[in-house]
Amino acid sequence: MRVPAGDSWGTPVRRGTSVNVIAEPKGFDARKPYVVIGAHLDTVPVAPGAEDNASGIAVMLQLAEMVSQQPAAFPVQFIAFGAEEPRGSGDALHHFGSRQFVADLSRSERRAIQAMVSLDRVGVPAGYVPICTADTKGNRLRDAIRAAARRAEIDTRACSNRTSDHWSYAKAGVSSSPARQAYLMRATTLGATCHASSTGASLIG
């Protein structure tokens, strides 16, 4: 995909190209129910690349390893999204990789998505985990995550956030049915599942 020149968090950046890297299980059919786990590949000069977002990629790779050993209830599609960081203000200059990917999905493929998890800045320590909806819809997944976190004795708070790749899915209508969105960032919710001590994610499901 082509990415325009612009300003990324105060730093001028040149135009260029980027790609999404996608891994799917053998026999994967995107027209049947599945889950998406993603993390963006790029970073910005003002942020430590190890935190934003090598940490998200690392957790995604670990989750892929876990799923390969113990398959999940639904097939999982893993995506390393290119060009997530902004080139200016507004949605049109943000989330290039995920926006392009979602735009290329058919209606049946969108409807088949049961949950979308975007791992972003998961290396940031925090005293609690924000778990937020992208808009007012889809709180069932958020509530389920918070319940899992409580069982793992992880403190969480509900909120709203649209700054990661989950927002591309929500805007495209993946969130149109109940329980399609939640956002989680800066600590652990997947820790309740994968026993990480500091994990963050954006979720739709």
Protein backbone atom coordinates (compact mmCIF):
# COMPACT_ATOMS: atom_id res chain seq x y z
CA MET A 1 0.00 0.00 0.00
CA ARG A 2 1.15 3.58 -0.58
CA VAL A 3 1.54 5.86 2.43
CA PRO A 4 1.65 9.66 2.00
CA ALA A 5 4.19 12.08 3.39
CA GLY A 6 3.09 13.98 6.45
CA ASP A 7 3.66 14.79 10.08
CA SER A 8 3.82 11.94 12.58
CA TRP A 9 3.56 13.21 16.15
CA GLY A 10 5.60 16.32 15.30
CA THR A 11 8.15 14.64 13.03
CA PRO A 12 8.07 15.14 9.24
CA VAL A 13 7.99 11.80 7.41
CA ARG A 14 8.43 11.01 3.72
CA ARG A 15 5.94 9.15 1.58
CA GLY A 16 6.55 5.46 1.02
CA THR A 17 5.00 2.02 0.87
CA SER A 18 4.09 -0.55 3.50
CA VAL A 19 2.67 -4.06 3.76
CA ASN A 20 0.53 -6.19 6.05
CA VAL A 21 1.97 -9.56 7.05
CA ILE A 22 -0.76 -12.18 7.50
CA ALA A 23 -0.63 -15.68 9.01
CA GLU A 24 -3.57 -18.07 8.89
CA PRO A 25 -4.04 -21.70 9.95
CA LYS A 26 -4.12 -24.42 7.34
CA GLY A 27 -7.53 -24.63 5.69
CA PHE A 28 -8.56 -21.18 6.94
CA ASP A 29 -11.86 -19.91 5.48
CA ALA A 30 -12.56 -16.24 6.17
CA ARG A 31 -16.25 -16.77 5.38
CA LYS A 32 -16.61 -18.89 8.52
CA PRO A 33 -16.38 -17.57 12.12
CA TYR A 34 -12.87 -16.53 13.09
CA VAL A 35 -10.87 -14.22 15.35
CA VAL A 36 -8.32 -11.59 14.33
CA ILE A 37 -5.26 -10.74 16.43
CA GLY A 38 -3.13 -7.88 15.15
CA ALA A 39 -0.24 -5.60 16.05
CA HIS A 40 1.25 -2.77 14.03
CA LEU A 41 4.77 -3.02 12.63
CA ASP A 42 5.78 0.64 12.48
CA THR A 43 6.93 3.13 15.09
CA VAL A 44 7.54 6.88 15.41
CA PRO A 45 10.67 8.86 16.37
CA VAL A 46 9.09 10.19 19.56
CA ALA A 47 8.42 6.69 20.96
CA PRO A 48 10.77 3.86 21.89
CA GLY A 49 10.30 1.33 19.09
CA ALA A 50 10.70 -1.53 21.56
CA GLU A 51 7.55 -0.33 23.32
CA ASP A 52 5.62 1.04 20.31
CA ASN A 53 5.28 -1.46 18.88
CA ALA A 54 7.82 -4.27 18.99
CA SER A 55 6.17 -5.25 22.26
CA GLY A 56 2.86 -5.81 20.51
CA ILE A 57 4.50 -7.89 17.79
CA ALA A 58 6.29 -9.98 20.42
CA VAL A 59 3.06 -10.74 22.29
CA MET A 60 1.31 -11.61 19.02
CA LEU A 61 4.08 -14.07 18.15
CA GLN A 62 3.76 -15.66 21.58
CA LEU A 63 0.01 -15.98 21.15
CA ALA A 64 0.53 -17.56 17.73
CA GLU A 65 2.84 -20.10 19.33
CA MET A 66 0.26 -20.86 22.01
CA VAL A 67 -2.53 -21.29 19.46
CA SER A 68 -0.35 -23.63 17.40
CA GLN A 69 -0.02 -25.88 20.44
CA GLN A 70 -3.58 -25.57 21.71
CA PRO A 71 -6.09 -24.46 19.04
CA ALA A 72 -8.64 -21.85 20.08
CA ALA A 73 -12.41 -22.22 19.83
CA PHE A 74 -12.30 -20.29 16.53
CA PRO A 75 -9.56 -20.16 13.89
CA VAL A 76 -7.23 -17.21 14.50
CA GLN A 77 -5.92 -14.90 11.80
CA PHE A 78 -2.73 -13.08 12.88
CA ILE A 79 -1.93 -9.78 11.16
CA ALA A 80 1.09 -7.51 11.53
CA PHE A 81 -0.32 -4.24 10.20
CA GLY A 82 1.85 -1.79 8.31
CA ALA A 83 1.64 2.00 8.60
CA GLU A 84 -0.54 2.34 11.67
CA GLU A 85 1.08 5.56 12.89
CA PRO A 86 -0.47 8.85 11.71
CA ARG A 87 0.77 11.14 8.95
CA GLY A 88 -1.43 13.97 10.17
CA SER A 89 -4.71 14.51 12.00
CA GLY A 90 -7.92 12.66 11.24
CA ASP A 91 -8.82 9.10 10.34
CA ALA A 92 -7.80 9.50 6.69
CA LEU A 93 -4.14 9.86 7.76
CA HIS A 94 -4.02 7.04 10.31
CA HIS A 95 -4.22 3.21 10.38
CA PHE A 96 -3.32 2.78 6.70
CA GLY A 97 -2.62 -0.94 6.84
CA SER A 98 -5.70 -2.00 8.75
CA ARG A 99 -7.96 0.34 6.80
CA GLN A 100 -6.74 -1.15 3.52
CA PHE A 101 -7.10 -4.69 4.82
CA VAL A 102 -10.65 -4.17 6.06
CA ALA A 103 -11.65 -2.36 2.87
CA ASP A 104 -10.65 -5.47 0.89
CA LEU A 105 -12.83 -7.81 2.97
CA SER A 106 -16.10 -9.04 1.52
CA ARG A 107 -19.33 -8.62 3.45
CA SER A 108 -19.32 -12.30 4.42
CA GLU A 109 -15.73 -12.06 5.66
CA ARG A 110 -16.58 -9.06 7.82
CA ARG A 111 -19.62 -10.78 9.26
CA ALA A 112 -17.53 -13.85 10.13
CA ILE A 113 -15.23 -11.91 12.47
CA GLN A 114 -16.09 -12.85 16.04
CA ALA A 115 -13.45 -10.69 17.73
CA MET A 116 -10.55 -8.42 16.78
CA VAL A 117 -7.61 -7.85 19.12
CA SER A 118 -5.04 -5.17 18.31
CA LEU A 119 -1.93 -5.35 20.50
CA ASP A 120 -0.52 -1.84 20.81
CA ARG A 121 2.11 -0.49 23.22
CA VAL A 122 1.84 -3.57 25.39
CA GLY A 123 5.17 -2.91 27.09
CA VAL A 124 3.93 0.13 29.02
CA PRO A 125 3.61 -0.59 32.76
CA ALA A 126 0.49 0.63 34.52
CA GLY A 127 -1.39 0.15 37.75
CA TYR A 128 -4.54 -0.94 35.92
CA VAL A 129 -5.67 -2.01 32.46
CA PRO A 130 -7.99 0.32 30.50
CA ILE A 131 -10.57 -1.79 28.62
CA CYS A 132 -12.56 0.45 26.35
CA THR A 133 -15.15 0.38 23.62
CA ALA A 134 -14.43 2.13 20.32
CA ASP A 135 -17.93 3.60 20.53
CA THR A 136 -21.11 2.94 22.51
CA LYS A 137 -21.70 -0.51 20.98
CA GLY A 138 -20.27 -3.88 21.84
CA ASN A 139 -19.71 -4.04 25.56
CA ARG A 140 -20.12 -7.81 25.93
CA LEU A 141 -16.53 -8.61 24.98
CA ARG A 142 -15.26 -5.80 27.20
CA ASP A 143 -17.23 -7.19 30.12
CA ALA A 144 -15.97 -10.72 29.46
CA ILE A 145 -12.38 -9.49 29.41
CA ARG A 146 -12.85 -7.60 32.64
CA ALA A 147 -14.33 -10.70 34.25
CA ALA A 148 -11.33 -12.77 33.10
CA ALA A 149 -9.01 -10.08 34.45
CA ARG A 150 -10.72 -10.16 37.84
CA ARG A 151 -10.20 -13.91 38.02
CA ALA A 152 -6.50 -13.28 37.37
CA GLU A 153 -6.52 -10.47 39.98
CA ILE A 154 -5.79 -7.79 37.36
CA ASP A 155 -7.27 -4.34 37.97
CA THR A 156 -9.16 -2.88 34.99
CA ARG A 157 -11.17 0.21 34.09
CA ALA A 158 -13.69 0.78 31.31
CA CYS A 159 -13.15 3.67 28.90
CA SER A 160 -13.27 4.66 25.22
CA ASN A 161 -10.43 4.76 22.68
CA ARG A 162 -10.08 4.81 18.88
CA THR A 163 -6.32 5.17 18.43
CA SER A 164 -5.36 1.66 17.33
CA ASP A 165 -6.16 -0.68 14.42
CA HIS A 166 -9.37 -1.93 16.02
CA TRP A 167 -10.96 1.33 14.94
CA SER A 168 -10.61 0.39 11.27
CA TYR A 169 -12.76 -2.68 11.91
CA ALA A 170 -15.32 -0.74 13.92
CA LYS A 171 -15.70 1.95 11.26
CA ALA A 172 -16.26 -0.71 8.60
CA GLY A 173 -19.27 -2.06 10.44
CA VAL A 174 -17.69 -5.08 12.11
CA SER A 175 -19.21 -3.67 15.30
CA SER A 176 -22.72 -3.49 13.87
CA SER A 177 -23.94 -6.53 15.79
CA PRO A 178 -23.88 -6.74 19.61
CA ALA A 179 -20.59 -7.40 21.36
CA ARG A 180 -18.25 -6.30 18.61
CA GLN A 181 -15.87 -3.82 20.21
CA ALA A 182 -13.56 -3.26 23.09
CA TYR A 183 -10.20 -1.58 23.48
CA LEU A 184 -7.49 -2.49 25.95
CA MET A 185 -4.14 -0.75 26.32
CA ARG A 186 -1.05 -0.36 28.53
CA ALA A 187 -0.84 -3.45 30.67
CA THR A 188 -2.52 -6.83 30.79
CA THR A 189 -5.74 -8.35 29.82
CA LEU A 190 -4.35 -11.07 27.69
CA GLY A 191 -2.26 -11.70 30.79
CA ALA A 192 -5.35 -13.41 32.13
CA THR A 193 -4.98 -15.84 29.26
CA CYS A 194 -1.30 -16.00 28.39
CA HIS A 195 0.10 -15.16 31.84
CA ALA A 196 1.97 -12.09 30.64
CA SER A 197 2.61 -9.45 33.28
CA SER A 198 2.32 -6.43 31.01
CA THR A 199 0.09 -6.66 27.94
CA GLY A 200 -2.24 -4.35 26.10
CA ALA A 201 -4.68 -4.73 23.26
CA SER A 202 -7.45 -3.15 21.29
CA LEU A 203 -10.36 -5.48 20.81
CA ILE A 204 -13.48 -5.87 18.78
CA GLY A 205 -15.67 -8.83 19.35
